[in-house]
Amino acid sequence: MQKVFLIDVNLPRFFSLWNSDEYIHQYELGDEWSDSEIWKYAQSENLTIITKDSDFSSHILLHNPPPKVIHIKLGNVKMN
């Protein structure tokens, strides 16, 4: 199955919702990637970014065409 979603490093790797082949966690690519590297990768691979980072939502206004972004607004989430 093709990857559809890129989970940002600020969200837990092991979460039942994204426990399928449609999801790739940034940790698998390198957890030291900058936001712009994540952005470019998602754009080139046609992935939707899932993140808690509001910077990605702001990025949408400045770049055309942007990758899709799902901005999750939750309280603190334990990484484990």
PDB file of N, CA and C in Angstrom:
ATOM      1  N   MET A   1       0.841  -1.180   0.000  1.00  0.00           N
ATOM      2  CA  MET A   1       0.000   0.000   0.000  1.00  0.00           C
ATOM      3  C   MET A   1       0.889   1.246   0.000  1.00  0.00           C
ATOM      4  N   GLN A   2       0.459   2.256  -0.681  1.00  0.00           N
ATOM      5  CA  GLN A   2       1.209   3.502  -0.808  1.00  0.00           C
ATOM      6  C   GLN A   2       1.076   4.362   0.444  1.00  0.00           C
ATOM      7  N   LYS A   3       2.168   5.033   0.798  1.00  0.00           N
ATOM      8  CA  LYS A   3       2.146   5.967   1.925  1.00  0.00           C
ATOM      9  C   LYS A   3       1.306   7.180   1.542  1.00  0.00           C
ATOM     10  N   VAL A   4       0.482   7.640   2.483  1.00  0.00           N
ATOM     11  CA  VAL A   4      -0.401   8.782   2.247  1.00  0.00           C
ATOM     12  C   VAL A   4      -0.134   9.891   3.259  1.00  0.00           C
ATOM     13  N   PHE A   5       0.230   9.517   4.485  1.00  0.00           N
ATOM     14  CA  PHE A   5       0.379  10.476   5.570  1.00  0.00           C
ATOM     15  C   PHE A   5       1.798  10.445   6.134  1.00  0.00           C
ATOM     16  N   LEU A   6       2.315  11.629   6.452  1.00  0.00           N
ATOM     17  CA  LEU A   6       3.601  11.778   7.120  1.00  0.00           C
ATOM     18  C   LEU A   6       3.342  12.331   8.513  1.00  0.00           C
ATOM     19  N   ILE A   7       3.651  11.544   9.541  1.00  0.00           N
ATOM     20  CA  ILE A   7       3.433  11.950  10.922  1.00  0.00           C
ATOM     21  C   ILE A   7       4.661  12.719  11.385  1.00  0.00           C
ATOM     22  N   ASP A   8       4.459  13.941  11.838  1.00  0.00           N
ATOM     23  CA  ASP A   8       5.558  14.782  12.306  1.00  0.00           C
ATOM     24  C   ASP A   8       6.148  14.213  13.591  1.00  0.00           C
ATOM     25  N   VAL A   9       7.401  14.536  13.827  1.00  0.00           N
ATOM     26  CA  VAL A   9       8.141  14.002  14.972  1.00  0.00           C
ATOM     27  C   VAL A   9       7.535  14.425  16.317  1.00  0.00           C
ATOM     28  N   ASN A  10       6.730  15.479  16.342  1.00  0.00           N
ATOM     29  CA  ASN A  10       6.146  15.938  17.601  1.00  0.00           C
ATOM     30  C   ASN A  10       4.920  15.129  18.018  1.00  0.00           C
ATOM     31  N   LEU A  11       4.572  14.101  17.257  1.00  0.00           N
ATOM     32  CA  LEU A  11       3.481  13.193  17.612  1.00  0.00           C
ATOM     33  C   LEU A  11       4.059  11.811  17.872  1.00  0.00           C
ATOM     34  N   PRO A  12       3.411  11.021  18.736  1.00  0.00           N
ATOM     35  CA  PRO A  12       3.970   9.718  19.098  1.00  0.00           C
ATOM     36  C   PRO A  12       4.064   8.762  17.910  1.00  0.00           C
ATOM     37  N   ARG A  13       5.145   7.993  17.878  1.00  0.00           N
ATOM     38  CA  ARG A  13       5.352   7.004  16.810  1.00  0.00           C
ATOM     39  C   ARG A  13       4.370   5.859  16.914  1.00  0.00           C
ATOM     40  N   PHE A  14       4.121   5.407  18.119  1.00  0.00           N
ATOM     41  CA  PHE A  14       3.302   4.221  18.319  1.00  0.00           C
ATOM     42  C   PHE A  14       1.911   4.639  18.784  1.00  0.00           C
ATOM     43  N   PHE A  15       1.049   4.849  17.826  1.00  0.00           N
ATOM     44  CA  PHE A  15      -0.321   5.265  18.103  1.00  0.00           C
ATOM     45  C   PHE A  15      -1.213   4.432  17.190  1.00  0.00           C
ATOM     46  N   SER A  16      -2.201   3.787  17.734  1.00  0.00           N
ATOM     47  CA  SER A  16      -2.992   2.820  16.969  1.00  0.00           C
ATOM     48  C   SER A  16      -3.630   3.413  15.716  1.00  0.00           C
ATOM     49  N   LEU A  17      -3.938   4.690  15.726  1.00  0.00           N
ATOM     50  CA  LEU A  17      -4.580   5.304  14.560  1.00  0.00           C
ATOM     51  C   LEU A  17      -3.707   5.212  13.321  1.00  0.00           C
ATOM     52  N   TRP A  18      -2.395   5.422  13.488  1.00  0.00           N
ATOM     53  CA  TRP A  18      -1.529   5.356  12.309  1.00  0.00           C
ATOM     54  C   TRP A  18      -0.638   4.119  12.312  1.00  0.00           C
ATOM     55  N   ASN A  19      -1.217   3.014  12.721  1.00  0.00           N
ATOM     56  CA  ASN A  19      -0.518   1.729  12.696  1.00  0.00           C
ATOM     57  C   ASN A  19      -0.911   0.959  11.437  1.00  0.00           C
ATOM     58  N   SER A  20      -0.582   1.527  10.276  1.00  0.00           N
ATOM     59  CA  SER A  20      -0.848   0.855   9.005  1.00  0.00           C
ATOM     60  C   SER A  20       0.169   1.333   7.973  1.00  0.00           C
ATOM     61  N   ASP A  21       0.147   0.712   6.826  1.00  0.00           N
ATOM     62  CA  ASP A  21       1.106   1.041   5.774  1.00  0.00           C
ATOM     63  C   ASP A  21       0.861   2.399   5.118  1.00  0.00           C
ATOM     64  N   GLU A  22      -0.272   3.020   5.387  1.00  0.00           N
ATOM     65  CA  GLU A  22      -0.560   4.336   4.806  1.00  0.00           C
ATOM     66  C   GLU A  22       0.224   5.451   5.494  1.00  0.00           C
ATOM     67  N   TYR A  23       0.776   5.179   6.651  1.00  0.00           N
ATOM     68  CA  TYR A  23       1.419   6.199   7.473  1.00  0.00           C
ATOM     69  C   TYR A  23       2.927   5.953   7.552  1.00  0.00           C
ATOM     70  N   ILE A  24       3.679   7.039   7.527  1.00  0.00           N
ATOM     71  CA  ILE A  24       5.110   6.985   7.797  1.00  0.00           C
ATOM     72  C   ILE A  24       5.400   8.052   8.848  1.00  0.00           C
ATOM     73  N   HIS A  25       6.160   7.673   9.842  1.00  0.00           N
ATOM     74  CA  HIS A  25       6.517   8.636  10.891  1.00  0.00           C
ATOM     75  C   HIS A  25       7.846   9.259  10.516  1.00  0.00           C
ATOM     76  N   GLN A  26       7.975  10.530  10.793  1.00  0.00           N
ATOM     77  CA  GLN A  26       9.198  11.249  10.460  1.00  0.00           C
ATOM     78  C   GLN A  26      10.429  10.573  11.058  1.00  0.00           C
ATOM     79  N   TYR A  27      10.285   9.932  12.192  1.00  0.00           N
ATOM     80  CA  TYR A  27      11.388   9.231  12.847  1.00  0.00           C
ATOM     81  C   TYR A  27      12.042   8.225  11.899  1.00  0.00           C
ATOM     82  N   GLU A  28      11.228   7.596  11.036  1.00  0.00           N
ATOM     83  CA  GLU A  28      11.748   6.619  10.080  1.00  0.00           C
ATOM     84  C   GLU A  28      12.622   7.277   9.016  1.00  0.00           C
ATOM     85  N   LEU A  29      12.432   8.559   8.795  1.00  0.00           N
ATOM     86  CA  LEU A  29      13.195   9.302   7.789  1.00  0.00           C
ATOM     87  C   LEU A  29      14.404   9.997   8.388  1.00  0.00           C
ATOM     88  N   GLY A  30      14.321  10.320   9.654  1.00  0.00           N
ATOM     89  CA  GLY A  30      15.364  11.066  10.342  1.00  0.00           C
ATOM     90  C   GLY A  30      14.703  12.103  11.220  1.00  0.00           C
ATOM     91  N   ASP A  31      14.812  11.943  12.518  1.00  0.00           N
ATOM     92  CA  ASP A  31      14.079  12.821  13.429  1.00  0.00           C
ATOM     93  C   ASP A  31      14.721  14.195  13.583  1.00  0.00           C
ATOM     94  N   GLU A  32      15.795  14.448  12.853  1.00  0.00           N
ATOM     95  CA  GLU A  32      16.461  15.748  12.918  1.00  0.00           C
ATOM     96  C   GLU A  32      16.128  16.639  11.717  1.00  0.00           C
ATOM     97  N   TRP A  33      15.191  16.230  10.909  1.00  0.00           N
ATOM     98  CA  TRP A  33      14.838  17.012   9.722  1.00  0.00           C
ATOM     99  C   TRP A  33      14.246  18.351  10.130  1.00  0.00           C
ATOM    100  N   SER A  34      14.555  19.389   9.376  1.00  0.00           N
ATOM    101  CA  SER A  34      13.946  20.706   9.601  1.00  0.00           C
ATOM    102  C   SER A  34      12.531  20.708   9.029  1.00  0.00           C
ATOM    103  N   ASP A  35      11.744  21.693   9.431  1.00  0.00           N
ATOM    104  CA  ASP A  35      10.379  21.814   8.899  1.00  0.00           C
ATOM    105  C   ASP A  35      10.391  21.945   7.381  1.00  0.00           C
ATOM    106  N   SER A  36      11.334  22.693   6.839  1.00  0.00           N
ATOM    107  CA  SER A  36      11.379  22.875   5.382  1.00  0.00           C
ATOM    108  C   SER A  36      11.736  21.569   4.661  1.00  0.00           C
ATOM    109  N   GLU A  37      12.583  20.742   5.273  1.00  0.00           N
ATOM    110  CA  GLU A  37      12.900  19.438   4.679  1.00  0.00           C
ATOM    111  C   GLU A  37      11.681  18.520   4.706  1.00  0.00           C
ATOM    112  N   ILE A  38      10.947  18.541   5.801  1.00  0.00           N
ATOM    113  CA  ILE A  38       9.719  17.750   5.907  1.00  0.00           C
ATOM    114  C   ILE A  38       8.718  18.218   4.862  1.00  0.00           C
ATOM    115  N   TRP A  39       8.579  19.527   4.754  1.00  0.00           N
ATOM    116  CA  TRP A  39       7.647  20.138   3.806  1.00  0.00           C
ATOM    117  C   TRP A  39       7.960  19.695   2.376  1.00  0.00           C
ATOM    118  N   LYS A  40       9.221  19.815   1.984  1.00  0.00           N
ATOM    119  CA  LYS A  40       9.642  19.452   0.620  1.00  0.00           C
ATOM    120  C   LYS A  40       9.441  17.964   0.356  1.00  0.00           C
ATOM    121  N   TYR A  41       9.753  17.140   1.338  1.00  0.00           N
ATOM    122  CA  TYR A  41       9.571  15.697   1.182  1.00  0.00           C
ATOM    123  C   TYR A  41       8.088  15.361   1.005  1.00  0.00           C
ATOM    124  N   ALA A  42       7.244  15.917   1.851  1.00  0.00           N
ATOM    125  CA  ALA A  42       5.798  15.667   1.750  1.00  0.00           C
ATOM    126  C   ALA A  42       5.267  16.141   0.402  1.00  0.00           C
ATOM    127  N   GLN A  43       5.751  17.275  -0.045  1.00  0.00           N
ATOM    128  CA  GLN A  43       5.313  17.816  -1.327  1.00  0.00           C
ATOM    129  C   GLN A  43       5.745  16.898  -2.476  1.00  0.00           C
ATOM    130  N   SER A  44       6.993  16.453  -2.460  1.00  0.00           N
ATOM    131  CA  SER A  44       7.501  15.616  -3.551  1.00  0.00           C
ATOM    132  C   SER A  44       6.870  14.224  -3.567  1.00  0.00           C
ATOM    133  N   GLU A  45       6.502  13.714  -2.397  1.00  0.00           N
ATOM    134  CA  GLU A  45       5.918  12.371  -2.294  1.00  0.00           C
ATOM    135  C   GLU A  45       4.387  12.395  -2.245  1.00  0.00           C
ATOM    136  N   ASN A  46       3.810  13.590  -2.348  1.00  0.00           N
ATOM    137  CA  ASN A  46       2.352  13.758  -2.299  1.00  0.00           C
ATOM    138  C   ASN A  46       1.762  13.197  -0.999  1.00  0.00           C
ATOM    139  N   LEU A  47       2.389  13.561   0.129  1.00  0.00           N
ATOM    140  CA  LEU A  47       1.944  13.108   1.441  1.00  0.00           C
ATOM    141  C   LEU A  47       1.220  14.231   2.180  1.00  0.00           C
ATOM    142  N   THR A  48       0.302  13.862   3.030  1.00  0.00           N
ATOM    143  CA  THR A  48      -0.363  14.795   3.925  1.00  0.00           C
ATOM    144  C   THR A  48       0.393  14.782   5.252  1.00  0.00           C
ATOM    145  N   ILE A  49       0.812  15.961   5.709  1.00  0.00           N
ATOM    146  CA  ILE A  49       1.531  16.078   6.973  1.00  0.00           C
ATOM    147  C   ILE A  49       0.526  16.129   8.122  1.00  0.00           C
ATOM    148  N   ILE A  50       0.728  15.290   9.126  1.00  0.00           N
ATOM    149  CA  ILE A  50      -0.074  15.339  10.353  1.00  0.00           C
ATOM    150  C   ILE A  50       0.853  15.841  11.448  1.00  0.00           C
ATOM    151  N   THR A  51       0.497  16.948  12.096  1.00  0.00           N
ATOM    152  CA  THR A  51       1.404  17.609  13.019  1.00  0.00           C
ATOM    153  C   THR A  51       0.667  18.346  14.127  1.00  0.00           C
ATOM    154  N   LYS A  52       1.395  18.653  15.195  1.00  0.00           N
ATOM    155  CA  LYS A  52       0.926  19.571  16.234  1.00  0.00           C
ATOM    156  C   LYS A  52       1.573  20.940  16.056  1.00  0.00           C
ATOM    157  N   ASP A  53       2.510  21.050  15.147  1.00  0.00           N
ATOM    158  CA  ASP A  53       3.323  22.247  14.925  1.00  0.00           C
ATOM    159  C   ASP A  53       2.551  23.277  14.093  1.00  0.00           C
ATOM    160  N   SER A  54       2.253  24.419  14.675  1.00  0.00           N
ATOM    161  CA  SER A  54       1.485  25.453  13.966  1.00  0.00           C
ATOM    162  C   SER A  54       2.275  26.079  12.819  1.00  0.00           C
ATOM    163  N   ASP A  55       3.595  25.888  12.790  1.00  0.00           N
ATOM    164  CA  ASP A  55       4.395  26.441  11.695  1.00  0.00           C
ATOM    165  C   ASP A  55       3.945  25.904  10.339  1.00  0.00           C
ATOM    166  N   PHE A  56       3.520  24.661  10.293  1.00  0.00           N
ATOM    167  CA  PHE A  56       3.078  24.087   9.026  1.00  0.00           C
ATOM    168  C   PHE A  56       1.795  24.757   8.534  1.00  0.00           C
ATOM    169  N   SER A  57       0.914  25.075   9.443  1.00  0.00           N
ATOM    170  CA  SER A  57      -0.317  25.776   9.049  1.00  0.00           C
ATOM    171  C   SER A  57       0.010  27.148   8.484  1.00  0.00           C
ATOM    172  N   SER A  58       0.992  27.814   9.054  1.00  0.00           N
ATOM    173  CA  SER A  58       1.422  29.115   8.550  1.00  0.00           C
ATOM    174  C   SER A  58       2.114  28.984   7.205  1.00  0.00           C
ATOM    175  N   HIS A  59       2.858  27.906   7.026  1.00  0.00           N
ATOM    176  CA  HIS A  59       3.568  27.652   5.765  1.00  0.00           C
ATOM    177  C   HIS A  59       2.615  27.585   4.577  1.00  0.00           C
ATOM    178  N   ILE A  60       1.420  27.070   4.816  1.00  0.00           N
ATOM    179  CA  ILE A  60       0.437  26.911   3.740  1.00  0.00           C
ATOM    180  C   ILE A  60       0.142  28.243   3.061  1.00  0.00           C
ATOM    181  N   LEU A  61       0.123  29.306   3.828  1.00  0.00           N
ATOM    182  CA  LEU A  61      -0.207  30.623   3.294  1.00  0.00           C
ATOM    183  C   LEU A  61       0.896  31.178   2.399  1.00  0.00           C
ATOM    184  N   LEU A  62       2.114  30.672   2.556  1.00  0.00           N
ATOM    185  CA  LEU A  62       3.258  31.227   1.837  1.00  0.00           C
ATOM    186  C   LEU A  62       3.697  30.404   0.634  1.00  0.00           C
ATOM    187  N   HIS A  63       3.284  29.169   0.522  1.00  0.00           N
ATOM    188  CA  HIS A  63       3.771  28.290  -0.534  1.00  0.00           C
ATOM    189  C   HIS A  63       2.613  27.748  -1.366  1.00  0.00           C
ATOM    190  N   ASN A  64       2.825  27.759  -2.656  1.00  0.00           N
ATOM    191  CA  ASN A  64       1.790  27.287  -3.557  1.00  0.00           C
ATOM    192  C   ASN A  64       2.430  26.408  -4.616  1.00  0.00           C
ATOM    193  N   PRO A  65       2.000  25.213  -4.842  1.00  0.00           N
ATOM    194  CA  PRO A  65       0.976  24.504  -4.067  1.00  0.00           C
ATOM    195  C   PRO A  65       1.601  23.873  -2.827  1.00  0.00           C
ATOM    196  N   PRO A  66       0.903  23.928  -1.738  1.00  0.00           N
ATOM    197  CA  PRO A  66       1.429  23.301  -0.518  1.00  0.00           C
ATOM    198  C   PRO A  66       1.046  21.824  -0.465  1.00  0.00           C
ATOM    199  N   PRO A  67       1.774  21.037   0.343  1.00  0.00           N
ATOM    200  CA  PRO A  67       1.227  19.715   0.656  1.00  0.00           C
ATOM    201  C   PRO A  67       0.037  19.916   1.599  1.00  0.00           C
ATOM    202  N   LYS A  68      -0.791  18.934   1.706  1.00  0.00           N
ATOM    203  CA  LYS A  68      -1.902  19.014   2.652  1.00  0.00           C
ATOM    204  C   LYS A  68      -1.353  18.886   4.066  1.00  0.00           C
ATOM    205  N   VAL A  69      -2.001  19.573   4.997  1.00  0.00           N
ATOM    206  CA  VAL A  69      -1.584  19.547   6.401  1.00  0.00           C
ATOM    207  C   VAL A  69      -2.804  19.333   7.281  1.00  0.00           C
ATOM    208  N   ILE A  70      -2.689  18.389   8.197  1.00  0.00           N
ATOM    209  CA  ILE A  70      -3.690  18.207   9.241  1.00  0.00           C
ATOM    210  C   ILE A  70      -3.035  18.682  10.525  1.00  0.00           C
ATOM    211  N   HIS A  71      -3.557  19.763  11.081  1.00  0.00           N
ATOM    212  CA  HIS A  71      -2.991  20.369  12.286  1.00  0.00           C
ATOM    213  C   HIS A  71      -3.817  19.894  13.477  1.00  0.00           C
ATOM    214  N   ILE A  72      -3.219  19.041  14.285  1.00  0.00           N
ATOM    215  CA  ILE A  72      -3.893  18.496  15.468  1.00  0.00           C
ATOM    216  C   ILE A  72      -3.591  19.407  16.645  1.00  0.00           C
ATOM    217  N   LYS A  73      -4.642  19.844  17.308  1.00  0.00           N
ATOM    218  CA  LYS A  73      -4.476  20.694  18.475  1.00  0.00           C
ATOM    219  C   LYS A  73      -4.903  19.905  19.702  1.00  0.00           C
ATOM    220  N   LEU A  74      -3.898  19.331  20.367  1.00  0.00           N
ATOM    221  CA  LEU A  74      -4.114  18.548  21.569  1.00  0.00           C
ATOM    222  C   LEU A  74      -3.252  19.103  22.691  1.00  0.00           C
ATOM    223  N   GLY A  75      -3.546  18.688  23.885  1.00  0.00           N
ATOM    224  CA  GLY A  75      -2.657  19.001  25.007  1.00  0.00           C
ATOM    225  C   GLY A  75      -1.395  18.178  24.871  1.00  0.00           C
ATOM    226  N   ASN A  76      -0.623  18.106  25.894  1.00  0.00           N
ATOM    227  CA  ASN A  76       0.614  17.333  25.866  1.00  0.00           C
ATOM    228  C   ASN A  76       0.324  15.874  25.596  1.00  0.00           C
ATOM    229  N   VAL A  77       1.148  15.266  24.736  1.00  0.00           N
ATOM    230  CA  VAL A  77       1.024  13.858  24.392  1.00  0.00           C
ATOM    231  C   VAL A  77       2.348  13.186  24.711  1.00  0.00           C
ATOM    232  N   LYS A  78       2.295  12.110  25.475  1.00  0.00           N
ATOM    233  CA  LYS A  78       3.528  11.388  25.769  1.00  0.00           C
ATOM    234  C   LYS A  78       4.010  10.679  24.513  1.00  0.00           C
ATOM    235  N   MET A  79       5.300  10.750  24.265  1.00  0.00           N
ATOM    236  CA  MET A  79       5.868  10.175  23.053  1.00  0.00           C
ATOM    237  C   MET A  79       5.878   8.651  23.078  1.00  0.00           C
ATOM    238  N   ASN A  80       5.804   8.047  24.239  1.00  0.00           N
ATOM    239  CA  ASN A  80       5.755   6.583  24.327  1.00  0.00           C
ATOM    240  C   ASN A  80       4.322   6.138  24.279  1.00  0.00           C
TER     241      ASN A  80
END
